Amino acid sequence: MAQAQDQGELAAVIGLEVHVQLETDTKIFCGCSTEPAGEPNIHTCPVCLGLPGSLPVLNEAAVEAAVKVGKAIDAEIPERTRFHRKNYYYPDLPKNFQITQYDEPVCRDGHLECAVGDERRTIGIRRAHLEEDPGSLTHKGGSIDTADYTLVDYNRAGVPLMEVVTEPDFRGAEEVRAFLAKLEEVLEYLGVFDASRDGSLRIDANLSVVDAAEVGDDGEIDSAVLEDANRTEVKNISSHRGAKKALAY
């Protein structure tokens, strides 16, 4: 790995969670269309609205798309994968839980190589798992804190997502931009992702600051050092250029 880029006596350590909307005709657990709709709440059914008695059925095309990505990042594809319920209460999630994966994802232990200037960097990918997208919120008359009221559109609820979770292998904003650009290139080549669709790529970045002396010449950092480091999360970044700007700031 590259030598850490530090400012004074500190160095940045960055890991990413990249949420990718997969290109399928129907949602991940029901038969509703994933096409963007002009009218709100027309691509919905009892399953994606979380109505009592409705049961999810996994979309085979979403699994196939995830496996394609797993092969491209040289990940392990296990024979068994499992889904969990992630419970939280928010108006864009009508079931009050999200169907997602954690300890038995569809892909794990992969990597992706990208070019940063004249240097080649290999970024570890801890796992890539499937989950469902929540609905979308529109705040009228202001921001989330000041709006007069908020409208909910469930057309997006249940659209298949693949969350790519990297190792904390990034040491600067330019490395993050280069990785995301390469990942987007791979996803488009595989035909599982449409970059032109609004909100099709959303990034959460975890940034820790450590003593530069704790970073080895190969860029490695002891896990105990990371656990004790000050960390912050920057959520809902919508592009690789936006990620670079946010992390550089």
Foldseek 3Di string as FASTA:
>chain_A
DAQFDADVFKFKFKWKKKKFQWDDQAFFFDRFGLDDDPDFPPRDDCVLLQPPPDDTDGDVVLLVLVVLLQVVQVWDADPDFDWDWAAADDVQRNNRTKIWGDPGFRTAFGWDWFDQDPDIDIWTWGGKHKIADTWDKDFDPDDPVDGPDIDTGGSRRRRIIIITITDRQDGALSVQLRVQVVSVVSSVVSVTHDLVDPQRMWMKMKMWMFGSVQADNVRDHDPVRVVPTDIDMDTGQRHSVSSSVVRVD
